[in-house]
């Protein structure tokens, strides 16, 4: 372990690999936790999982066709987010059913295409994540898009709040809920695609769901849940990253385990506080 600590802070590793991973990871983590509050409250907890599977299918097709992966995956996932939202609003297909249908289909396409082309290993990092392999351009793109997502969330905070808790009332007061739902779908799609590079298609939904569930154990206000979820996600990311380096474990899985530990701790804390009151 001491050898791992020494290597972790060598200029070559820290400056070229670890620091970019931390910067890009923190940006995506904060976005995921902010958007996760609304997704959980609107009962769209699994949309991150569904969109990530759709993204994996798009990335696999892009890799086979020698196209830029993100330039293909981003518009595909955004379109998928729009379609899922429309299907849910039309009541022709429930949200969970639509997510399951689209995600399993896209995931199957991705696996078939990559296996047929013999590039399964080349796209496996999109399935399991490879945060330490993020390039400089990946980090810059993650930070720029994350700043846009966070800025949009802050600027539209009041509208997002009203649409989240009572969409019918928001419409009655003159809020165009459809537009804000569409904007939120785009923000979610962008965050999911960026998060796939860090956590992989299998684990990205954990960044969206678990910090929010953790914050809801002790917080009762929307603002409190948002701020607490953000803080928990940042701390979980940092602890999980360094734990993975010290113990030679997978970064994505380590981050999820730390998130789960926080959830259990906050659940216990919330239970104790309710008993005292």
C-alpha atoms as a PDB file:
ATOM      1  CA  UNK A   1       0.000   0.000   0.000  1.00  0.00           C
ATOM      2  CA  UNK A   2       2.837   2.403   0.782  1.00  0.00           C
ATOM      3  CA  UNK A   3       4.257   1.746  -2.681  1.00  0.00           C
ATOM      4  CA  UNK A   4       0.877   2.608  -4.197  1.00  0.00           C
ATOM      5  CA  UNK A   5       0.804   5.884  -2.265  1.00  0.00           C
ATOM      6  CA  UNK A   6       4.268   6.791  -3.493  1.00  0.00           C
ATOM      7  CA  UNK A   7       3.400   6.035  -7.115  1.00  0.00           C
ATOM      8  CA  UNK A   8       0.098   7.910  -6.797  1.00  0.00           C
ATOM      9  CA  UNK A   9       1.857  11.209  -6.179  1.00  0.00           C
ATOM     10  CA  UNK A  10       4.678  10.924  -8.667  1.00  0.00           C
ATOM     11  CA  UNK A  11       4.586  13.820 -11.169  1.00  0.00           C
ATOM     12  CA  UNK A  12       4.173  11.456 -14.109  1.00  0.00           C
ATOM     13  CA  UNK A  13       1.113   9.676 -12.702  1.00  0.00           C
ATOM     14  CA  UNK A  14      -0.528  12.490 -10.754  1.00  0.00           C
ATOM     15  CA  UNK A  15      -0.177  15.197 -13.383  1.00  0.00           C
ATOM     16  CA  UNK A  16      -0.824  13.124 -16.500  1.00  0.00           C
ATOM     17  CA  UNK A  17      -3.408  10.602 -15.276  1.00  0.00           C
ATOM     18  CA  UNK A  18      -4.835  11.157 -11.794  1.00  0.00           C
ATOM     19  CA  UNK A  19      -5.483  14.919 -11.824  1.00  0.00           C
ATOM     20  CA  UNK A  20      -7.333  14.932 -15.187  1.00  0.00           C
ATOM     21  CA  UNK A  21      -9.411  11.955 -14.002  1.00  0.00           C
ATOM     22  CA  UNK A  22     -10.334  13.769 -10.777  1.00  0.00           C
ATOM     23  CA  UNK A  23     -11.260  16.998 -12.588  1.00  0.00           C
ATOM     24  CA  UNK A  24     -13.383  15.266 -15.210  1.00  0.00           C
ATOM     25  CA  UNK A  25     -14.892  12.888 -12.675  1.00  0.00           C
ATOM     26  CA  UNK A  26     -15.891  15.629 -10.244  1.00  0.00           C
ATOM     27  CA  UNK A  27     -17.559  17.606 -13.021  1.00  0.00           C
ATOM     28  CA  UNK A  28     -19.683  14.643 -14.120  1.00  0.00           C
ATOM     29  CA  UNK A  29     -20.381  13.572 -10.532  1.00  0.00           C
ATOM     30  CA  UNK A  30     -21.814  16.961  -9.578  1.00  0.00           C
ATOM     31  CA  UNK A  31     -24.024  17.029 -12.688  1.00  0.00           C
ATOM     32  CA  UNK A  32     -25.323  13.533 -11.985  1.00  0.00           C
ATOM     33  CA  UNK A  33     -26.251  14.300  -8.387  1.00  0.00           C
ATOM     34  CA  UNK A  34     -28.032  17.554  -9.280  1.00  0.00           C
ATOM     35  CA  UNK A  35     -30.119  15.997 -12.041  1.00  0.00           C
ATOM     36  CA  UNK A  36     -30.689  12.877  -9.962  1.00  0.00           C
ATOM     37  CA  UNK A  37     -32.853  14.741  -7.450  1.00  0.00           C
ATOM     38  CA  UNK A  38     -35.479  15.602 -10.060  1.00  0.00           C
ATOM     39  CA  UNK A  39     -35.239  12.203 -11.765  1.00  0.00           C
ATOM     40  CA  UNK A  40     -35.821  10.350  -8.484  1.00  0.00           C
ATOM     41  CA  UNK A  41     -38.695  12.607  -7.399  1.00  0.00           C
ATOM     42  CA  UNK A  42     -40.372  12.246 -10.826  1.00  0.00           C
ATOM     43  CA  UNK A  43     -39.930   8.451 -10.597  1.00  0.00           C
ATOM     44  CA  UNK A  44     -37.459   8.343 -13.466  1.00  0.00           C
ATOM     45  CA  UNK A  45     -34.673   6.795 -11.413  1.00  0.00           C
ATOM     46  CA  UNK A  46     -33.746   4.244 -14.049  1.00  0.00           C
ATOM     47  CA  UNK A  47     -33.574   6.613 -17.014  1.00  0.00           C
ATOM     48  CA  UNK A  48     -29.822   6.965 -16.487  1.00  0.00           C
ATOM     49  CA  UNK A  49     -29.428   3.211 -16.751  1.00  0.00           C
ATOM     50  CA  UNK A  50     -31.599   3.055 -19.854  1.00  0.00           C
ATOM     51  CA  UNK A  51     -29.876   5.937 -21.631  1.00  0.00           C
ATOM     52  CA  UNK A  52     -26.435   4.533 -20.823  1.00  0.00           C
ATOM     53  CA  UNK A  53     -27.357   1.231 -22.488  1.00  0.00           C
ATOM     54  CA  UNK A  54     -28.601   3.143 -25.507  1.00  0.00           C
ATOM     55  CA  UNK A  55     -25.328   5.080 -25.471  1.00  0.00           C
ATOM     56  CA  UNK A  56     -23.350   1.838 -25.382  1.00  0.00           C
ATOM     57  CA  UNK A  57     -25.149   0.624 -28.492  1.00  0.00           C
ATOM     58  CA  UNK A  58     -24.406   3.908 -30.283  1.00  0.00           C
ATOM     59  CA  UNK A  59     -20.754   3.876 -29.193  1.00  0.00           C
ATOM     60  CA  UNK A  60     -20.310   0.309 -30.412  1.00  0.00           C
ATOM     61  CA  UNK A  61     -21.754   1.152 -33.823  1.00  0.00           C
ATOM     62  CA  UNK A  62     -19.535   4.259 -34.014  1.00  0.00           C
ATOM     63  CA  UNK A  63     -16.444   2.187 -33.171  1.00  0.00           C
ATOM     64  CA  UNK A  64     -17.229  -0.338 -35.908  1.00  0.00           C
ATOM     65  CA  UNK A  65     -17.730   2.460 -38.452  1.00  0.00           C
ATOM     66  CA  UNK A  66     -14.559   4.305 -37.298  1.00  0.00           C
ATOM     67  CA  UNK A  67     -16.559   7.372 -36.313  1.00  0.00           C
ATOM     68  CA  UNK A  68     -15.942   9.691 -33.355  1.00  0.00           C
ATOM     69  CA  UNK A  69     -17.778   7.883 -30.503  1.00  0.00           C
ATOM     70  CA  UNK A  70     -19.096  10.921 -28.621  1.00  0.00           C
ATOM     71  CA  UNK A  71     -20.228  12.689 -31.790  1.00  0.00           C
ATOM     72  CA  UNK A  72     -22.425   9.683 -32.533  1.00  0.00           C
ATOM     73  CA  UNK A  73     -23.563   8.758 -29.019  1.00  0.00           C
ATOM     74  CA  UNK A  74     -24.539  12.242 -27.833  1.00  0.00           C
ATOM     75  CA  UNK A  75     -27.231  12.994 -30.459  1.00  0.00           C
ATOM     76  CA  UNK A  76     -28.519   9.398 -30.327  1.00  0.00           C
ATOM     77  CA  UNK A  77     -28.954   9.503 -26.546  1.00  0.00           C
ATOM     78  CA  UNK A  78     -30.571  12.961 -26.686  1.00  0.00           C
ATOM     79  CA  UNK A  79     -33.085  11.714 -29.277  1.00  0.00           C
ATOM     80  CA  UNK A  80     -33.738   8.644 -27.117  1.00  0.00           C
ATOM     81  CA  UNK A  81     -34.383  10.860 -24.094  1.00  0.00           C
ATOM     82  CA  UNK A  82     -36.947  12.866 -26.116  1.00  0.00           C
ATOM     83  CA  UNK A  83     -38.692   9.692 -27.287  1.00  0.00           C
ATOM     84  CA  UNK A  84     -38.829   8.209 -23.793  1.00  0.00           C
ATOM     85  CA  UNK A  85     -40.323  11.411 -22.464  1.00  0.00           C
ATOM     86  CA  UNK A  86     -42.953  11.566 -25.208  1.00  0.00           C
ATOM     87  CA  UNK A  87     -43.942   7.937 -24.706  1.00  0.00           C
ATOM     88  CA  UNK A  88     -44.311   8.505 -20.981  1.00  0.00           C
ATOM     89  CA  UNK A  89     -46.435  11.641 -21.451  1.00  0.00           C
ATOM     90  CA  UNK A  90     -48.715   9.956 -23.983  1.00  0.00           C
ATOM     91  CA  UNK A  91     -49.412   7.122 -21.513  1.00  0.00           C
ATOM     92  CA  UNK A  92     -49.167   4.619 -24.360  1.00  0.00           C
ATOM     93  CA  UNK A  93     -46.179   3.046 -22.667  1.00  0.00           C
ATOM     94  CA  UNK A  94     -45.161   3.553 -19.053  1.00  0.00           C
ATOM     95  CA  UNK A  95     -41.788   5.159 -18.316  1.00  0.00           C
ATOM     96  CA  UNK A  96     -40.214   2.001 -16.912  1.00  0.00           C
ATOM     97  CA  UNK A  97     -41.511  -0.146 -19.760  1.00  0.00           C
ATOM     98  CA  UNK A  98     -40.218   2.279 -22.393  1.00  0.00           C
ATOM     99  CA  UNK A  99     -36.800   2.450 -20.719  1.00  0.00           C
ATOM    100  CA  UNK A 100     -36.585  -1.347 -20.541  1.00  0.00           C
ATOM    101  CA  UNK A 101     -37.614  -1.752 -24.187  1.00  0.00           C
ATOM    102  CA  UNK A 102     -35.175   0.814 -25.585  1.00  0.00           C
ATOM    103  CA  UNK A 103     -32.235  -0.021 -23.306  1.00  0.00           C
ATOM    104  CA  UNK A 104     -32.254  -3.786 -23.803  1.00  0.00           C
ATOM    105  CA  UNK A 105     -32.657  -3.392 -27.563  1.00  0.00           C
ATOM    106  CA  UNK A 106     -29.777  -0.906 -27.849  1.00  0.00           C
ATOM    107  CA  UNK A 107     -27.551  -2.943 -25.541  1.00  0.00           C
ATOM    108  CA  UNK A 108     -28.184  -6.076 -27.595  1.00  0.00           C
ATOM    109  CA  UNK A 109     -27.372  -4.206 -30.809  1.00  0.00           C
ATOM    110  CA  UNK A 110     -24.136  -2.924 -29.303  1.00  0.00           C
ATOM    111  CA  UNK A 111     -23.050  -6.366 -28.133  1.00  0.00           C
ATOM    112  CA  UNK A 112     -23.939  -8.007 -31.455  1.00  0.00           C
ATOM    113  CA  UNK A 113     -22.165  -5.366 -33.531  1.00  0.00           C
ATOM    114  CA  UNK A 114     -18.994  -5.323 -31.403  1.00  0.00           C
ATOM    115  CA  UNK A 115     -18.769  -9.122 -31.190  1.00  0.00           C
ATOM    116  CA  UNK A 116     -19.376  -9.542 -34.920  1.00  0.00           C
ATOM    117  CA  UNK A 117     -16.651  -6.998 -35.705  1.00  0.00           C
ATOM    118  CA  UNK A 118     -14.283  -8.560 -33.177  1.00  0.00           C
ATOM    119  CA  UNK A 119     -13.822  -5.362 -31.172  1.00  0.00           C
ATOM    120  CA  UNK A 120     -15.444  -6.450 -27.915  1.00  0.00           C
ATOM    121  CA  UNK A 121     -12.329  -5.574 -25.919  1.00  0.00           C
ATOM    122  CA  UNK A 122     -12.063  -2.178 -27.619  1.00  0.00           C
ATOM    123  CA  UNK A 123     -15.506  -1.074 -26.431  1.00  0.00           C
ATOM    124  CA  UNK A 124     -15.533  -2.884 -23.076  1.00  0.00           C
ATOM    125  CA  UNK A 125     -14.425   0.295 -21.283  1.00  0.00           C
ATOM    126  CA  UNK A 126     -17.752   1.868 -22.267  1.00  0.00           C
ATOM    127  CA  UNK A 127     -19.465  -0.958 -20.398  1.00  0.00           C
ATOM    128  CA  UNK A 128     -17.317  -0.917 -17.257  1.00  0.00           C
ATOM    129  CA  UNK A 129     -15.759   2.563 -17.332  1.00  0.00           C
ATOM    130  CA  UNK A 130     -12.126   3.639 -17.560  1.00  0.00           C
ATOM    131  CA  UNK A 131     -11.757   6.938 -15.769  1.00  0.00           C
ATOM    132  CA  UNK A 132      -7.953   6.733 -15.551  1.00  0.00           C
ATOM    133  CA  UNK A 133      -7.786   6.382 -19.328  1.00  0.00           C
ATOM    134  CA  UNK A 134      -9.595   9.648 -20.047  1.00  0.00           C
ATOM    135  CA  UNK A 135      -7.659  11.749 -22.541  1.00  0.00           C
ATOM    136  CA  UNK A 136      -7.057  15.482 -22.226  1.00  0.00           C
ATOM    137  CA  UNK A 137      -9.742  16.163 -24.815  1.00  0.00           C
ATOM    138  CA  UNK A 138     -12.195  13.933 -22.916  1.00  0.00           C
ATOM    139  CA  UNK A 139     -11.537  15.881 -19.710  1.00  0.00           C
ATOM    140  CA  UNK A 140     -11.935  19.264 -21.418  1.00  0.00           C
ATOM    141  CA  UNK A 141     -15.186  18.143 -23.069  1.00  0.00           C
ATOM    142  CA  UNK A 142     -16.483  16.773 -19.755  1.00  0.00           C
ATOM    143  CA  UNK A 143     -15.710  19.996 -17.897  1.00  0.00           C
ATOM    144  CA  UNK A 144     -17.178  22.284 -20.582  1.00  0.00           C
ATOM    145  CA  UNK A 145     -20.404  20.320 -20.935  1.00  0.00           C
ATOM    146  CA  UNK A 146     -20.684  19.867 -17.160  1.00  0.00           C
ATOM    147  CA  UNK A 147     -20.381  23.609 -16.614  1.00  0.00           C
ATOM    148  CA  UNK A 148     -23.178  24.130 -19.148  1.00  0.00           C
ATOM    149  CA  UNK A 149     -25.376  21.551 -17.387  1.00  0.00           C
ATOM    150  CA  UNK A 150     -24.740  23.052 -13.920  1.00  0.00           C
ATOM    151  CA  UNK A 151     -25.315  26.611 -15.172  1.00  0.00           C
ATOM    152  CA  UNK A 152     -28.593  25.581 -16.839  1.00  0.00           C
ATOM    153  CA  UNK A 153     -29.741  23.838 -13.652  1.00  0.00           C
ATOM    154  CA  UNK A 154     -28.995  26.923 -11.538  1.00  0.00           C
ATOM    155  CA  UNK A 155     -30.636  29.357 -13.970  1.00  0.00           C
ATOM    156  CA  UNK A 156     -33.744  27.192 -14.332  1.00  0.00           C
ATOM    157  CA  UNK A 157     -33.823  26.090 -10.687  1.00  0.00           C
ATOM    158  CA  UNK A 158     -37.233  27.605  -9.849  1.00  0.00           C
ATOM    159  CA  UNK A 159     -38.858  26.195 -12.980  1.00  0.00           C
ATOM    160  CA  UNK A 160     -37.319  22.763 -12.431  1.00  0.00           C
ATOM    161  CA  UNK A 161     -38.545  22.862  -8.827  1.00  0.00           C
ATOM    162  CA  UNK A 162     -42.143  23.625  -9.842  1.00  0.00           C
ATOM    163  CA  UNK A 163     -42.221  21.063 -12.653  1.00  0.00           C
ATOM    164  CA  UNK A 164     -40.676  18.408 -10.394  1.00  0.00           C
ATOM    165  CA  UNK A 165     -43.232  18.631  -7.589  1.00  0.00           C
ATOM    166  CA  UNK A 166     -46.473  19.488  -9.368  1.00  0.00           C
ATOM    167  CA  UNK A 167     -46.358  19.605 -13.139  1.00  0.00           C
ATOM    168  CA  UNK A 168     -50.102  20.263 -13.480  1.00  0.00           C
ATOM    169  CA  UNK A 169     -49.938  23.221 -11.104  1.00  0.00           C
ATOM    170  CA  UNK A 170     -46.886  24.540 -12.960  1.00  0.00           C
ATOM    171  CA  UNK A 171     -48.820  24.405 -16.229  1.00  0.00           C
ATOM    172  CA  UNK A 172     -51.752  26.197 -14.598  1.00  0.00           C
ATOM    173  CA  UNK A 173     -49.479  29.047 -13.519  1.00  0.00           C
ATOM    174  CA  UNK A 174     -48.228  29.559 -17.058  1.00  0.00           C
ATOM    175  CA  UNK A 175     -45.067  27.452 -16.991  1.00  0.00           C
ATOM    176  CA  UNK A 176     -44.454  25.596 -20.251  1.00  0.00           C
ATOM    177  CA  UNK A 177     -43.673  22.282 -18.555  1.00  0.00           C
ATOM    178  CA  UNK A 178     -43.084  20.546 -21.879  1.00  0.00           C
ATOM    179  CA  UNK A 179     -40.165  22.794 -22.766  1.00  0.00           C
ATOM    180  CA  UNK A 180     -38.542  22.372 -19.361  1.00  0.00           C
ATOM    181  CA  UNK A 181     -39.001  18.620 -19.521  1.00  0.00           C
ATOM    182  CA  UNK A 182     -37.254  18.625 -22.890  1.00  0.00           C
ATOM    183  CA  UNK A 183     -34.401  20.768 -21.580  1.00  0.00           C
ATOM    184  CA  UNK A 184     -34.040  18.436 -18.635  1.00  0.00           C
ATOM    185  CA  UNK A 185     -34.002  15.428 -20.964  1.00  0.00           C
ATOM    186  CA  UNK A 186     -31.121  16.982 -22.932  1.00  0.00           C
ATOM    187  CA  UNK A 187     -29.171  17.752 -19.740  1.00  0.00           C
ATOM    188  CA  UNK A 188     -29.673  14.192 -18.531  1.00  0.00           C
ATOM    189  CA  UNK A 189     -28.593  12.704 -21.860  1.00  0.00           C
ATOM    190  CA  UNK A 190     -25.405  14.789 -21.916  1.00  0.00           C
ATOM    191  CA  UNK A 191     -24.563  13.810 -18.335  1.00  0.00           C
ATOM    192  CA  UNK A 192     -25.146  10.110 -18.996  1.00  0.00           C
ATOM    193  CA  UNK A 193     -22.905  10.054 -22.063  1.00  0.00           C
ATOM    194  CA  UNK A 194     -20.126  11.843 -20.172  1.00  0.00           C
ATOM    195  CA  UNK A 195     -20.570   9.556 -17.173  1.00  0.00           C
ATOM    196  CA  UNK A 196     -20.186   6.455 -19.309  1.00  0.00           C
ATOM    197  CA  UNK A 197     -16.512   7.256 -19.833  1.00  0.00           C
ATOM    198  CA  UNK A 198     -16.049   7.351 -16.082  1.00  0.00           C
ATOM    199  CA  UNK A 199     -18.404   4.725 -14.658  1.00  0.00           C
ATOM    200  CA  UNK A 200     -19.430   2.681 -17.680  1.00  0.00           C
ATOM    201  CA  UNK A 201     -22.933   1.812 -18.867  1.00  0.00           C
ATOM    202  CA  UNK A 202     -23.468  -0.615 -15.994  1.00  0.00           C
ATOM    203  CA  UNK A 203     -22.791   1.814 -13.140  1.00  0.00           C
ATOM    204  CA  UNK A 204     -23.621   5.350 -14.321  1.00  0.00           C
ATOM    205  CA  UNK A 205     -27.156   5.211 -12.886  1.00  0.00           C
ATOM    206  CA  UNK A 206     -25.617   4.808  -9.413  1.00  0.00           C
ATOM    207  CA  UNK A 207     -24.218   8.358  -9.632  1.00  0.00           C
ATOM    208  CA  UNK A 208     -27.697   9.636 -10.407  1.00  0.00           C
ATOM    209  CA  UNK A 209     -29.752   7.663  -7.906  1.00  0.00           C
ATOM    210  CA  UNK A 210     -27.735   6.820  -4.775  1.00  0.00           C
ATOM    211  CA  UNK A 211     -26.612  10.339  -3.680  1.00  0.00           C
ATOM    212  CA  UNK A 212     -30.215  11.563  -3.945  1.00  0.00           C
ATOM    213  CA  UNK A 213     -31.579   8.625  -1.952  1.00  0.00           C
ATOM    214  CA  UNK A 214     -28.854   9.242   0.616  1.00  0.00           C
ATOM    215  CA  UNK A 215     -29.710  12.931   0.982  1.00  0.00           C
ATOM    216  CA  UNK A 216     -33.423  12.138   1.304  1.00  0.00           C
ATOM    217  CA  UNK A 217     -32.724  10.083   4.423  1.00  0.00           C
ATOM    218  CA  UNK A 218     -32.069  13.245   6.449  1.00  0.00           C
ATOM    219  CA  UNK A 219     -33.229  16.224   4.358  1.00  0.00           C
ATOM    220  CA  UNK A 220     -36.812  17.331   3.844  1.00  0.00           C
ATOM    221  CA  UNK A 221     -36.443  20.338   1.527  1.00  0.00           C
ATOM    222  CA  UNK A 222     -35.673  20.264  -2.187  1.00  0.00           C
ATOM    223  CA  UNK A 223     -32.718  22.633  -1.758  1.00  0.00           C
ATOM    224  CA  UNK A 224     -31.390  20.581   1.150  1.00  0.00           C
ATOM    225  CA  UNK A 225     -31.554  17.374  -0.865  1.00  0.00           C
ATOM    226  CA  UNK A 226     -29.817  19.015  -3.849  1.00  0.00           C
ATOM    227  CA  UNK A 227     -26.949  20.431  -1.754  1.00  0.00           C
ATOM    228  CA  UNK A 228     -26.513  17.294   0.352  1.00  0.00           C
ATOM    229  CA  UNK A 229     -26.618  14.995  -2.678  1.00  0.00           C
ATOM    230  CA  UNK A 230     -23.933  17.101  -4.343  1.00  0.00           C
ATOM    231  CA  UNK A 231     -21.707  16.996  -1.264  1.00  0.00           C
ATOM    232  CA  UNK A 232     -22.164  13.248  -0.794  1.00  0.00           C
ATOM    233  CA  UNK A 233     -21.412  12.524  -4.449  1.00  0.00           C
ATOM    234  CA  UNK A 234     -18.205  14.596  -4.394  1.00  0.00           C
ATOM    235  CA  UNK A 235     -16.905  12.997  -1.195  1.00  0.00           C
ATOM    236  CA  UNK A 236     -17.869   9.506  -2.389  1.00  0.00           C
ATOM    237  CA  UNK A 237     -16.071  10.071  -5.679  1.00  0.00           C
ATOM    238  CA  UNK A 238     -12.844  11.261  -4.043  1.00  0.00           C
ATOM    239  CA  UNK A 239     -12.820   8.540  -1.379  1.00  0.00           C
ATOM    240  CA  UNK A 240     -13.685   5.859  -3.937  1.00  0.00           C
ATOM    241  CA  UNK A 241     -10.995   7.019  -6.351  1.00  0.00           C
ATOM    242  CA  UNK A 242      -8.204   6.980  -3.782  1.00  0.00           C
ATOM    243  CA  UNK A 243      -9.458   3.737  -2.271  1.00  0.00           C
ATOM    244  CA  UNK A 244      -9.294   2.082  -5.696  1.00  0.00           C
ATOM    245  CA  UNK A 245      -5.711   3.278  -6.195  1.00  0.00           C
ATOM    246  CA  UNK A 246      -4.603   2.114  -2.767  1.00  0.00           C
ATOM    247  CA  UNK A 247      -6.318  -1.287  -2.952  1.00  0.00           C
ATOM    248  CA  UNK A 248      -5.953  -1.884  -6.715  1.00  0.00           C
ATOM    249  CA  UNK A 249      -9.711  -2.147  -7.225  1.00  0.00           C
ATOM    250  CA  UNK A 250     -11.912  -0.916 -10.074  1.00  0.00           C
ATOM    251  CA  UNK A 251     -12.517   2.849  -9.669  1.00  0.00           C
ATOM    252  CA  UNK A 252     -16.162   2.800 -10.752  1.00  0.00           C
ATOM    253  CA  UNK A 253     -17.140  -0.048  -8.448  1.00  0.00           C
ATOM    254  CA  UNK A 254     -15.187   1.502  -5.552  1.00  0.00           C
ATOM    255  CA  UNK A 255     -17.068   4.794  -5.958  1.00  0.00           C
ATOM    256  CA  UNK A 256     -20.400   2.946  -5.930  1.00  0.00           C
ATOM    257  CA  UNK A 257     -19.472   1.025  -2.756  1.00  0.00           C
ATOM    258  CA  UNK A 258     -18.558   4.267  -0.969  1.00  0.00           C
ATOM    259  CA  UNK A 259     -21.901   5.751  -2.074  1.00  0.00           C
ATOM    260  CA  UNK A 260     -23.715   2.737  -0.652  1.00  0.00           C
ATOM    261  CA  UNK A 261     -21.832   3.077   2.659  1.00  0.00           C
ATOM    262  CA  UNK A 262     -22.941   6.718   2.880  1.00  0.00           C
ATOM    263  CA  UNK A 263     -26.518   5.649   2.130  1.00  0.00           C
ATOM    264  CA  UNK A 264     -26.486   3.103   4.956  1.00  0.00           C
ATOM    265  CA  UNK A 265     -24.937   5.605   7.370  1.00  0.00           C
ATOM    266  CA  UNK A 266     -27.437   8.353   6.504  1.00  0.00           C
ATOM    267  CA  UNK A 267     -30.310   5.857   6.749  1.00  0.00           C
ATOM    268  CA  UNK A 268     -29.227   4.945  10.266  1.00  0.00           C
ATOM    269  CA  UNK A 269     -28.747   8.607  11.151  1.00  0.00           C
ATOM    270  CA  UNK A 270     -32.179   9.490   9.819  1.00  0.00           C
ATOM    271  CA  UNK A 271     -33.808   6.664  11.788  1.00  0.00           C
ATOM    272  CA  UNK A 272     -32.134   7.812  15.020  1.00  0.00           C
ATOM    273  CA  UNK A 273     -33.193  11.437  14.437  1.00  0.00           C
ATOM    274  CA  UNK A 274     -36.825  10.443  13.845  1.00  0.00           C
ATOM    275  CA  UNK A 275     -36.872   8.349  17.025  1.00  0.00           C
ATOM    276  CA  UNK A 276     -35.555  11.261  19.077  1.00  0.00           C
ATOM    277  CA  UNK A 277     -38.138  13.613  17.647  1.00  0.00           C
END
